[in-house]
Every structure is written in C-alpha cells, then in structure tokens.
PDB file of N, CA and C in Angstrom:
ATOM      1  N   MET A   1      49.899  87.717  22.119  1.00  0.00           N
ATOM      2  CA  MET A   1      50.706  87.572  20.921  1.00  0.00           C
ATOM      3  C   MET A   1      51.129  86.109  20.785  1.00  0.00           C
ATOM      4  N   PRO A   2      50.985  85.549  19.597  1.00  0.00           N
ATOM      5  CA  PRO A   2      51.368  84.148  19.393  1.00  0.00           C
ATOM      6  C   PRO A   2      52.843  83.916  19.705  1.00  0.00           C
ATOM      7  N   THR A   3      53.121  82.781  20.314  1.00  0.00           N
ATOM      8  CA  THR A   3      54.492  82.412  20.652  1.00  0.00           C
ATOM      9  C   THR A   3      55.021  81.298  19.756  1.00  0.00           C
ATOM     10  N   GLY A   4      54.150  80.752  18.923  1.00  0.00           N
ATOM     11  CA  GLY A   4      54.568  79.689  18.025  1.00  0.00           C
ATOM     12  C   GLY A   4      53.417  79.201  17.178  1.00  0.00           C
ATOM     13  N   ILE A   5      53.703  78.191  16.379  1.00  0.00           N
ATOM     14  CA  ILE A   5      52.668  77.571  15.553  1.00  0.00           C
ATOM     15  C   ILE A   5      52.832  76.060  15.574  1.00  0.00           C
ATOM     16  N   MET A   6      51.731  75.400  15.323  1.00  0.00           N
ATOM     17  CA  MET A   6      51.750  73.976  15.022  1.00  0.00           C
ATOM     18  C   MET A   6      51.407  73.883  13.540  1.00  0.00           C
ATOM     19  N   LEU A   7      52.240  73.193  12.787  1.00  0.00           N
ATOM     20  CA  LEU A   7      52.025  72.988  11.361  1.00  0.00           C
ATOM     21  C   LEU A   7      51.666  71.528  11.149  1.00  0.00           C
ATOM     22  N   VAL A   8      50.584  71.286  10.422  1.00  0.00           N
ATOM     23  CA  VAL A   8      50.176  69.917  10.108  1.00  0.00           C
ATOM     24  C   VAL A   8      49.975  69.821   8.604  1.00  0.00           C
ATOM     25  N   GLU A   9      50.752  68.943   7.966  1.00  0.00           N
ATOM     26  CA  GLU A   9      50.592  68.694   6.529  1.00  0.00           C
ATOM     27  C   GLU A   9      49.851  67.377   6.366  1.00  0.00           C
ATOM     28  N   SER A  10      48.772  67.400   5.584  1.00  0.00           N
ATOM     29  CA  SER A  10      47.965  66.192   5.411  1.00  0.00           C
ATOM     30  C   SER A  10      47.424  66.099   3.997  1.00  0.00           C
ATOM     31  N   ARG A  11      46.911  64.918   3.700  1.00  0.00           N
ATOM     32  CA  ARG A  11      46.278  64.640   2.408  1.00  0.00           C
ATOM     33  C   ARG A  11      44.985  63.881   2.665  1.00  0.00           C
ATOM     34  N   PRO A  12      44.020  64.044   1.784  1.00  0.00           N
ATOM     35  CA  PRO A  12      42.782  63.272   1.941  1.00  0.00           C
ATOM     36  C   PRO A  12      43.006  61.806   1.597  1.00  0.00           C
ATOM     37  N   ILE A  13      42.169  60.943   2.154  1.00  0.00           N
ATOM     38  CA  ILE A  13      42.223  59.525   1.802  1.00  0.00           C
ATOM     39  C   ILE A  13      41.968  59.361   0.310  1.00  0.00           C
ATOM     40  N   SER A  14      41.006  60.118  -0.192  1.00  0.00           N
ATOM     41  CA  SER A  14      40.629  60.031  -1.599  1.00  0.00           C
ATOM     42  C   SER A  14      40.354  61.427  -2.136  1.00  0.00           C
ATOM     43  N   PHE A  15      40.829  61.680  -3.333  1.00  0.00           N
ATOM     44  CA  PHE A  15      40.532  62.959  -3.977  1.00  0.00           C
ATOM     45  C   PHE A  15      39.168  62.921  -4.655  1.00  0.00           C
ATOM     46  N   ASP A  16      38.538  61.744  -4.682  1.00  0.00           N
ATOM     47  CA  ASP A  16      37.197  61.630  -5.260  1.00  0.00           C
ATOM     48  C   ASP A  16      36.163  62.384  -4.437  1.00  0.00           C
ATOM     49  N   ASP A  17      36.418  62.511  -3.142  1.00  0.00           N
ATOM     50  CA  ASP A  17      35.481  63.209  -2.261  1.00  0.00           C
ATOM     51  C   ASP A  17      36.224  64.275  -1.460  1.00  0.00           C
ATOM     52  N   ILE A  18      36.932  65.123  -2.181  1.00  0.00           N
ATOM     53  CA  ILE A  18      37.736  66.164  -1.546  1.00  0.00           C
ATOM     54  C   ILE A  18      36.872  67.129  -0.738  1.00  0.00           C
ATOM     55  N   SER A  19      35.624  67.300  -1.151  1.00  0.00           N
ATOM     56  CA  SER A  19      34.744  68.216  -0.420  1.00  0.00           C
ATOM     57  C   SER A  19      34.503  67.721   1.007  1.00  0.00           C
ATOM     58  N   GLU A  20      34.459  66.416   1.219  1.00  0.00           N
ATOM     59  CA  GLU A  20      34.272  65.878   2.569  1.00  0.00           C
ATOM     60  C   GLU A  20      35.511  66.141   3.429  1.00  0.00           C
ATOM     61  N   PHE A  21      36.685  66.039   2.832  1.00  0.00           N
ATOM     62  CA  PHE A  21      37.935  66.365   3.530  1.00  0.00           C
ATOM     63  C   PHE A  21      37.902  67.810   4.001  1.00  0.00           C
ATOM     64  N   HIS A  22      37.548  68.734   3.121  1.00  0.00           N
ATOM     65  CA  HIS A  22      37.492  70.157   3.476  1.00  0.00           C
ATOM     66  C   HIS A  22      36.406  70.422   4.518  1.00  0.00           C
ATOM     67  N   ARG A  23      35.251  69.790   4.371  1.00  0.00           N
ATOM     68  CA  ARG A  23      34.162  69.977   5.330  1.00  0.00           C
ATOM     69  C   ARG A  23      34.604  69.519   6.718  1.00  0.00           C
ATOM     70  N   TRP A  24      35.221  68.332   6.786  1.00  0.00           N
ATOM     71  CA  TRP A  24      35.682  67.817   8.070  1.00  0.00           C
ATOM     72  C   TRP A  24      36.685  68.775   8.711  1.00  0.00           C
ATOM     73  N   TYR A  25      37.657  69.238   7.937  1.00  0.00           N
ATOM     74  CA  TYR A  25      38.659  70.155   8.486  1.00  0.00           C
ATOM     75  C   TYR A  25      38.009  71.436   8.998  1.00  0.00           C
ATOM     76  N   ASP A  26      37.169  72.050   8.160  1.00  0.00           N
ATOM     77  CA  ASP A  26      36.594  73.357   8.489  1.00  0.00           C
ATOM     78  C   ASP A  26      35.520  73.307   9.572  1.00  0.00           C
ATOM     79  N   GLU A  27      34.695  72.271   9.558  1.00  0.00           N
ATOM     80  CA  GLU A  27      33.548  72.230  10.468  1.00  0.00           C
ATOM     81  C   GLU A  27      33.764  71.375  11.717  1.00  0.00           C
ATOM     82  N   VAL A  28      34.695  70.440  11.663  1.00  0.00           N
ATOM     83  CA  VAL A  28      34.896  69.523  12.788  1.00  0.00           C
ATOM     84  C   VAL A  28      36.274  69.715  13.430  1.00  0.00           C
ATOM     85  N   HIS A  29      37.309  69.529  12.642  1.00  0.00           N
ATOM     86  CA  HIS A  29      38.654  69.460  13.216  1.00  0.00           C
ATOM     87  C   HIS A  29      39.171  70.805  13.729  1.00  0.00           C
ATOM     88  N   ILE A  30      39.124  71.824  12.903  1.00  0.00           N
ATOM     89  CA  ILE A  30      39.644  73.124  13.339  1.00  0.00           C
ATOM     90  C   ILE A  30      38.905  73.638  14.575  1.00  0.00           C
ATOM     91  N   PRO A  31      37.564  73.607  14.614  1.00  0.00           N
ATOM     92  CA  PRO A  31      36.896  74.046  15.850  1.00  0.00           C
ATOM     93  C   PRO A  31      37.321  73.233  17.081  1.00  0.00           C
ATOM     94  N   ALA A  32      37.558  71.938  16.908  1.00  0.00           N
ATOM     95  CA  ALA A  32      37.989  71.109  18.040  1.00  0.00           C
ATOM     96  C   ALA A  32      39.378  71.519  18.521  1.00  0.00           C
ATOM     97  N   ILE A  33      40.285  71.781  17.597  1.00  0.00           N
ATOM     98  CA  ILE A  33      41.637  72.204  17.980  1.00  0.00           C
ATOM     99  C   ILE A  33      41.586  73.566  18.667  1.00  0.00           C
ATOM    100  N   LEU A  34      40.793  74.494  18.115  1.00  0.00           N
ATOM    101  CA  LEU A  34      40.736  75.840  18.687  1.00  0.00           C
ATOM    102  C   LEU A  34      40.035  75.876  20.041  1.00  0.00           C
ATOM    103  N   ALA A  35      39.350  74.812  20.397  1.00  0.00           N
ATOM    104  CA  ALA A  35      38.748  74.716  21.732  1.00  0.00           C
ATOM    105  C   ALA A  35      39.779  74.306  22.785  1.00  0.00           C
ATOM    106  N   VAL A  36      40.956  73.894  22.336  1.00  0.00           N
ATOM    107  CA  VAL A  36      42.028  73.487  23.250  1.00  0.00           C
ATOM    108  C   VAL A  36      42.771  74.735  23.726  1.00  0.00           C
ATOM    109  N   GLU A  37      42.945  74.842  25.032  1.00  0.00           N
ATOM    110  CA  GLU A  37      43.633  76.000  25.597  1.00  0.00           C
ATOM    111  C   GLU A  37      45.035  76.130  25.009  1.00  0.00           C
ATOM    112  N   GLY A  38      45.347  77.333  24.536  1.00  0.00           N
ATOM    113  CA  GLY A  38      46.654  77.617  23.962  1.00  0.00           C
ATOM    114  C   GLY A  38      46.634  77.761  22.454  1.00  0.00           C
ATOM    115  N   PHE A  39      45.606  77.226  21.795  1.00  0.00           N
ATOM    116  CA  PHE A  39      45.482  77.335  20.342  1.00  0.00           C
ATOM    117  C   PHE A  39      44.486  78.447  20.040  1.00  0.00           C
ATOM    118  N   VAL A  40      44.932  79.476  19.304  1.00  0.00           N
ATOM    119  CA  VAL A  40      44.118  80.688  19.179  1.00  0.00           C
ATOM    120  C   VAL A  40      43.610  80.994  17.776  1.00  0.00           C
ATOM    121  N   SER A  41      44.229  80.451  16.755  1.00  0.00           N
ATOM    122  CA  SER A  41      43.737  80.688  15.396  1.00  0.00           C
ATOM    123  C   SER A  41      44.251  79.590  14.477  1.00  0.00           C
ATOM    124  N   ALA A  42      43.612  79.493  13.326  1.00  0.00           N
ATOM    125  CA  ALA A  42      44.008  78.470  12.352  1.00  0.00           C
ATOM    126  C   ALA A  42      43.881  79.035  10.950  1.00  0.00           C
ATOM    127  N   ARG A  43      44.703  78.521  10.090  1.00  0.00           N
ATOM    128  CA  ARG A  43      44.678  78.905   8.676  1.00  0.00           C
ATOM    129  C   ARG A  43      45.056  77.681   7.867  1.00  0.00           C
ATOM    130  N   ARG A  44      44.366  77.468   6.753  1.00  0.00           N
ATOM    131  CA  ARG A  44      44.671  76.327   5.883  1.00  0.00           C
ATOM    132  C   ARG A  44      45.208  76.826   4.552  1.00  0.00           C
ATOM    133  N   LEU A  45      46.146  76.062   4.006  1.00  0.00           N
ATOM    134  CA  LEU A  45      46.746  76.376   2.714  1.00  0.00           C
ATOM    135  C   LEU A  45      46.863  75.085   1.915  1.00  0.00           C
ATOM    136  N   GLN A  46      47.012  75.235   0.611  1.00  0.00           N
ATOM    137  CA  GLN A  46      47.205  74.062  -0.240  1.00  0.00           C
ATOM    138  C   GLN A  46      48.319  74.324  -1.237  1.00  0.00           C
ATOM    139  N   THR A  47      48.913  73.243  -1.752  1.00  0.00           N
ATOM    140  CA  THR A  47      49.917  73.376  -2.797  1.00  0.00           C
ATOM    141  C   THR A  47      49.238  73.886  -4.063  1.00  0.00           C
ATOM    142  N   GLU A  48      50.038  74.393  -4.972  1.00  0.00           N
ATOM    143  CA  GLU A  48      49.478  74.935  -6.219  1.00  0.00           C
ATOM    144  C   GLU A  48      48.627  73.914  -6.965  1.00  0.00           C
ATOM    145  N   ASP A  49      49.042  72.649  -6.923  1.00  0.00           N
ATOM    146  CA  ASP A  49      48.286  71.627  -7.650  1.00  0.00           C
ATOM    147  C   ASP A  49      47.161  71.011  -6.816  1.00  0.00           C
ATOM    148  N   GLY A  50      47.011  71.453  -5.562  1.00  0.00           N
ATOM    149  CA  GLY A  50      45.909  70.986  -4.725  1.00  0.00           C
ATOM    150  C   GLY A  50      46.018  69.544  -4.265  1.00  0.00           C
ATOM    151  N   THR A  51      47.253  69.017  -4.172  1.00  0.00           N
ATOM    152  CA  THR A  51      47.416  67.618  -3.763  1.00  0.00           C
ATOM    153  C   THR A  51      47.885  67.457  -2.319  1.00  0.00           C
ATOM    154  N   SER A  52      48.265  68.549  -1.686  1.00  0.00           N
ATOM    155  CA  SER A  52      48.710  68.496  -0.299  1.00  0.00           C
ATOM    156  C   SER A  52      48.223  69.750   0.415  1.00  0.00           C
ATOM    157  N   PHE A  53      47.937  69.596   1.711  1.00  0.00           N
ATOM    158  CA  PHE A  53      47.321  70.679   2.468  1.00  0.00           C
ATOM    159  C   PHE A  53      48.067  70.888   3.776  1.00  0.00           C
ATOM    160  N   VAL A  54      48.128  72.138   4.208  1.00  0.00           N
ATOM    161  CA  VAL A  54      48.780  72.492   5.458  1.00  0.00           C
ATOM    162  C   VAL A  54      47.795  73.277   6.305  1.00  0.00           C
ATOM    163  N   ALA A  55      47.768  72.954   7.577  1.00  0.00           N
ATOM    164  CA  ALA A  55      47.019  73.753   8.549  1.00  0.00           C
ATOM    165  C   ALA A  55      48.036  74.363   9.504  1.00  0.00           C
ATOM    166  N   LEU A  56      47.926  75.669   9.712  1.00  0.00           N
ATOM    167  CA  LEU A  56      48.786  76.388  10.644  1.00  0.00           C
ATOM    168  C   LEU A  56      47.936  76.834  11.820  1.00  0.00           C
ATOM    169  N   TYR A  57      48.318  76.426  13.000  1.00  0.00           N
ATOM    170  CA  TYR A  57      47.587  76.783  14.215  1.00  0.00           C
ATOM    171  C   TYR A  57      48.479  77.673  15.067  1.00  0.00           C
ATOM    172  N   GLU A  58      48.035  78.892  15.354  1.00  0.00           N
ATOM    173  CA  GLU A  58      48.806  79.784  16.213  1.00  0.00           C
ATOM    174  C   GLU A  58      48.620  79.383  17.672  1.00  0.00           C
ATOM    175  N   ILE A  59      49.721  79.450  18.400  1.00  0.00           N
ATOM    176  CA  ILE A  59      49.763  79.057  19.808  1.00  0.00           C
ATOM    177  C   ILE A  59      50.136  80.285  20.635  1.00  0.00           C
ATOM    178  N   ASP A  60      49.436  80.504  21.751  1.00  0.00           N
ATOM    179  CA  ASP A  60      49.762  81.653  22.603  1.00  0.00           C
ATOM    180  C   ASP A  60      50.296  81.244  23.976  1.00  0.00           C
ATOM    181  N   THR A  61      50.804  80.030  24.071  1.00  0.00           N
ATOM    182  CA  THR A  61      51.432  79.542  25.299  1.00  0.00           C
ATOM    183  C   THR A  61      52.720  78.835  24.888  1.00  0.00           C
ATOM    184  N   ASP A  62      53.479  78.347  25.846  1.00  0.00           N
ATOM    185  CA  ASP A  62      54.692  77.631  25.457  1.00  0.00           C
ATOM    186  C   ASP A  62      54.305  76.320  24.765  1.00  0.00           C
ATOM    187  N   ILE A  63      55.171  75.858  23.911  1.00  0.00           N
ATOM    188  CA  ILE A  63      54.860  74.698  23.079  1.00  0.00           C
ATOM    189  C   ILE A  63      54.634  73.439  23.914  1.00  0.00           C
ATOM    190  N   ALA A  64      55.401  73.239  24.959  1.00  0.00           N
ATOM    191  CA  ALA A  64      55.215  72.043  25.795  1.00  0.00           C
ATOM    192  C   ALA A  64      53.813  72.005  26.393  1.00  0.00           C
ATOM    193  N   THR A  65      53.322  73.144  26.851  1.00  0.00           N
ATOM    194  CA  THR A  65      51.967  73.206  27.410  1.00  0.00           C
ATOM    195  C   THR A  65      50.924  72.965  26.332  1.00  0.00           C
ATOM    196  N   ALA A  66      51.111  73.575  25.162  1.00  0.00           N
ATOM    197  CA  ALA A  66      50.167  73.384  24.055  1.00  0.00           C
ATOM    198  C   ALA A  66      50.098  71.915  23.656  1.00  0.00           C
ATOM    199  N   LYS A  67      51.258  71.264  23.553  1.00  0.00           N
ATOM    200  CA  LYS A  67      51.287  69.840  23.200  1.00  0.00           C
ATOM    201  C   LYS A  67      50.574  68.995  24.249  1.00  0.00           C
ATOM    202  N   ALA A  68      50.820  69.295  25.508  1.00  0.00           N
ATOM    203  CA  ALA A  68      50.183  68.541  26.593  1.00  0.00           C
ATOM    204  C   ALA A  68      48.672  68.739  26.572  1.00  0.00           C
ATOM    205  N   ASN A  69      48.226  69.967  26.342  1.00  0.00           N
ATOM    206  CA  ASN A  69      46.788  70.248  26.279  1.00  0.00           C
ATOM    207  C   ASN A  69      46.144  69.524  25.103  1.00  0.00           C
ATOM    208  N   LEU A  70      46.823  69.518  23.964  1.00  0.00           N
ATOM    209  CA  LEU A  70      46.296  68.851  22.775  1.00  0.00           C
ATOM    210  C   LEU A  70      46.228  67.341  22.990  1.00  0.00           C
ATOM    211  N   ARG A  71      47.265  66.778  23.556  1.00  0.00           N
ATOM    212  CA  ARG A  71      47.299  65.341  23.840  1.00  0.00           C
ATOM    213  C   ARG A  71      46.164  64.959  24.795  1.00  0.00           C
ATOM    214  N   ALA A  72      45.970  65.760  25.825  1.00  0.00           N
ATOM    215  CA  ALA A  72      44.896  65.487  26.790  1.00  0.00           C
ATOM    216  C   ALA A  72      43.531  65.558  26.115  1.00  0.00           C
ATOM    217  N   ALA A  73      43.318  66.557  25.270  1.00  0.00           N
ATOM    218  CA  ALA A  73      42.033  66.689  24.570  1.00  0.00           C
ATOM    219  C   ALA A  73      41.780  65.480  23.677  1.00  0.00           C
ATOM    220  N   PHE A  74      42.822  64.983  23.035  1.00  0.00           N
ATOM    221  CA  PHE A  74      42.687  63.816  22.169  1.00  0.00           C
ATOM    222  C   PHE A  74      42.321  62.577  22.993  1.00  0.00           C
ATOM    223  N   PHE A  75      43.060  62.328  24.058  1.00  0.00           N
ATOM    224  CA  PHE A  75      42.820  61.126  24.861  1.00  0.00           C
ATOM    225  C   PHE A  75      41.524  61.191  25.661  1.00  0.00           C
ATOM    226  N   GLU A  76      41.035  62.399  25.924  1.00  0.00           N
ATOM    227  CA  GLU A  76      39.758  62.551  26.630  1.00  0.00           C
ATOM    228  C   GLU A  76      38.565  62.528  25.673  1.00  0.00           C
ATOM    229  N   GLY A  77      38.839  62.391  24.371  1.00  0.00           N
ATOM    230  CA  GLY A  77      37.771  62.253  23.390  1.00  0.00           C
ATOM    231  C   GLY A  77      37.207  63.543  22.826  1.00  0.00           C
ATOM    232  N   TYR A  78      37.856  64.675  23.113  1.00  0.00           N
ATOM    233  CA  TYR A  78      37.377  65.951  22.569  1.00  0.00           C
ATOM    234  C   TYR A  78      37.774  66.138  21.109  1.00  0.00           C
ATOM    235  N   ILE A  79      38.796  65.408  20.680  1.00  0.00           N
ATOM    236  CA  ILE A  79      39.248  65.461  19.290  1.00  0.00           C
ATOM    237  C   ILE A  79      39.171  64.042  18.743  1.00  0.00           C
ATOM    238  N   ASP A  80      38.377  63.862  17.697  1.00  0.00           N
ATOM    239  CA  ASP A  80      38.199  62.537  17.097  1.00  0.00           C
ATOM    240  C   ASP A  80      39.342  62.201  16.151  1.00  0.00           C
ATOM    241  N   ARG A  81      39.586  60.916  16.016  1.00  0.00           N
ATOM    242  CA  ARG A  81      40.542  60.458  15.001  1.00  0.00           C
ATOM    243  C   ARG A  81      39.976  60.798  13.625  1.00  0.00           C
ATOM    244  N   PRO A  82      40.834  61.253  12.727  1.00  0.00           N
ATOM    245  CA  PRO A  82      40.341  61.611  11.395  1.00  0.00           C
ATOM    246  C   PRO A  82      39.903  60.383  10.606  1.00  0.00           C
ATOM    247  N   THR A  83      38.820  60.525   9.874  1.00  0.00           N
ATOM    248  CA  THR A  83      38.340  59.434   9.018  1.00  0.00           C
ATOM    249  C   THR A  83      38.529  59.758   7.542  1.00  0.00           C
ATOM    250  N   VAL A  84      38.884  60.992   7.231  1.00  0.00           N
ATOM    251  CA  VAL A  84      39.026  61.408   5.835  1.00  0.00           C
ATOM    252  C   VAL A  84      40.461  61.794   5.490  1.00  0.00           C
ATOM    253  N   VAL A  85      41.381  61.609   6.442  1.00  0.00           N
ATOM    254  CA  VAL A  85      42.779  61.983   6.256  1.00  0.00           C
ATOM    255  C   VAL A  85      43.608  60.732   6.013  1.00  0.00           C
ATOM    256  N   GLN A  86      44.490  60.805   5.027  1.00  0.00           N
ATOM    257  CA  GLN A  86      45.402  59.700   4.729  1.00  0.00           C
ATOM    258  C   GLN A  86      46.316  59.465   5.938  1.00  0.00           C
ATOM    259  N   LEU A  87      46.403  58.223   6.391  1.00  0.00           N
ATOM    260  CA  LEU A  87      47.229  57.893   7.551  1.00  0.00           C
ATOM    261  C   LEU A  87      48.483  57.101   7.188  1.00  0.00           C
ATOM    262  N   ASP A  88      48.624  56.716   5.926  1.00  0.00           N
ATOM    263  CA  ASP A  88      49.806  55.992   5.474  1.00  0.00           C
ATOM    264  C   ASP A  88      50.256  56.565   4.139  1.00  0.00           C
ATOM    265  N   PRO A  89      51.224  57.468   4.139  1.00  0.00           N
ATOM    266  CA  PRO A  89      51.972  57.943   5.295  1.00  0.00           C
ATOM    267  C   PRO A  89      51.123  58.890   6.145  1.00  0.00           C
ATOM    268  N   PRO A  90      51.474  58.993   7.414  1.00  0.00           N
ATOM    269  CA  PRO A  90      50.675  59.830   8.311  1.00  0.00           C
ATOM    270  C   PRO A  90      50.909  61.319   8.065  1.00  0.00           C
ATOM    271  N   PRO A  91      50.000  62.147   8.551  1.00  0.00           N
ATOM    272  CA  PRO A  91      50.223  63.594   8.470  1.00  0.00           C
ATOM    273  C   PRO A  91      51.523  63.970   9.185  1.00  0.00           C
ATOM    274  N   VAL A  92      52.144  65.028   8.704  1.00  0.00           N
ATOM    275  CA  VAL A  92      53.363  65.543   9.322  1.00  0.00           C
ATOM    276  C   VAL A  92      52.952  66.656  10.276  1.00  0.00           C
ATOM    277  N   GLN A  93      53.363  66.545  11.518  1.00  0.00           N
ATOM    278  CA  GLN A  93      53.033  67.553  12.529  1.00  0.00           C
ATOM    279  C   GLN A  93      54.332  68.088  13.106  1.00  0.00           C
ATOM    280  N   GLN A  94      54.489  69.418  13.065  1.00  0.00           N
ATOM    281  CA  GLN A  94      55.687  70.056  13.602  1.00  0.00           C
ATOM    282  C   GLN A  94      55.284  71.287  14.393  1.00  0.00           C
ATOM    283  N   TYR A  95      56.097  71.624  15.381  1.00  0.00           N
ATOM    284  CA  TYR A  95      55.892  72.836  16.171  1.00  0.00           C
ATOM    285  C   TYR A  95      57.054  73.783  15.917  1.00  0.00           C
ATOM    286  N   PHE A  96      56.734  75.063  15.796  1.00  0.00           N
ATOM    287  CA  PHE A  96      57.735  76.103  15.602  1.00  0.00           C
ATOM    288  C   PHE A  96      57.507  77.182  16.645  1.00  0.00           C
ATOM    289  N   GLN A  97      58.584  77.666  17.241  1.00  0.00           N
ATOM    290  CA  GLN A  97      58.441  78.752  18.203  1.00  0.00           C
ATOM    291  C   GLN A  97      58.948  80.049  17.595  1.00  0.00           C
ATOM    292  N   THR A  98      58.391  81.148  18.070  1.00  0.00           N
ATOM    293  CA  THR A  98      58.789  82.466  17.605  1.00  0.00           C
ATOM    294  C   THR A  98      60.236  82.723  18.013  1.00  0.00           C
ATOM    295  N   ILE A  99      60.979  83.325  17.115  1.00  0.00           N
ATOM    296  CA  ILE A  99      62.359  83.701  17.409  1.00  0.00           C
ATOM    297  C   ILE A  99      62.324  85.052  18.108  1.00  0.00           C
ATOM    298  N   ASP A 100      62.966  85.158  19.257  1.00  0.00           N
ATOM    299  CA  ASP A 100      62.970  86.421  20.006  1.00  0.00           C
ATOM    300  C   ASP A 100      63.432  87.567  19.120  1.00  0.00           C
ATOM    301  N   GLY A 101      62.685  88.665  19.181  1.00  0.00           N
ATOM    302  CA  GLY A 101      63.040  89.854  18.415  1.00  0.00           C
ATOM    303  C   GLY A 101      62.502  89.859  17.003  1.00  0.00           C
ATOM    304  N   SER A 102      61.836  88.768  16.585  1.00  0.00           N
ATOM    305  CA  SER A 102      61.307  88.748  15.222  1.00  0.00           C
ATOM    306  C   SER A 102      60.048  89.597  15.153  1.00  0.00           C
ATOM    307  N   THR A 103      59.837  90.198  14.012  1.00  0.00           N
ATOM    308  CA  THR A 103      58.654  91.029  13.799  1.00  0.00           C
ATOM    309  C   THR A 103      58.031  90.680  12.468  1.00  0.00           C
ATOM    310  N   SER A 104      56.785  91.030  12.315  1.00  0.00           N
ATOM    311  CA  SER A 104      56.098  90.820  11.038  1.00  0.00           C
ATOM    312  C   SER A 104      56.425  91.977  10.111  1.00  0.00           C
ATOM    313  N   HIS A 105      56.605  91.673   8.852  1.00  0.00           N
ATOM    314  CA  HIS A 105      56.872  92.714   7.845  1.00  0.00           C
ATOM    315  C   HIS A 105      55.860  92.624   6.750  1.00  0.00           C
TER     316      HIS A 105
END
C-alpha cells in the first residue's frame, strides 16, 4: 500500500513542440523513476488550459528512503537531466505522506 506521493509540477521549455515534452515524460522519465526502488506508480495530469503539468508518483517506502534512492539514481546516471522541461523557474517537487487512518472514498 502506498505510504506517500512525490508531486512534480513542470512546464515544457516550448509549447511549440509539446509532443516531445509528453514523449520524454511518458517514454523516458516515468520509466526511469519507476525503476527506482520505492516508486511504484505514476500518473500525469494537466491544468484545464494545458499550460502546466503535474506528475504524481506513488511511494511504498518511507519518504526519506525514497528521496535517497532517487538522489542516488540521479547521481549514478540512471536518471538524465531533462532537456525539454523548463528550468527557470524550476519544476516544483514536493513529497506528501499518507495520514494515518485515511482511506480512499
């Protein structure tokens, strides 16, 4: 059972080639993240106007371990730096943990 999520809000460098942004996320980035121990699923969403995107990654370990595993994968070269994601301002990355006793409705 997931114990938390990592939320990443990002935007493409250019909306002229939005298909490349989506291709990179779906075919390169998400599979790389899901190969990291502790990350078990991913889902992408967009704002109604399609100008901002969120990726939600479910975590099945404690957040400190998930962060450490992700950091190690990045520094060991298993996760490439994005080339199609706007870096100024940078993507927003946040971690949320499940509240004890919470259930899905």
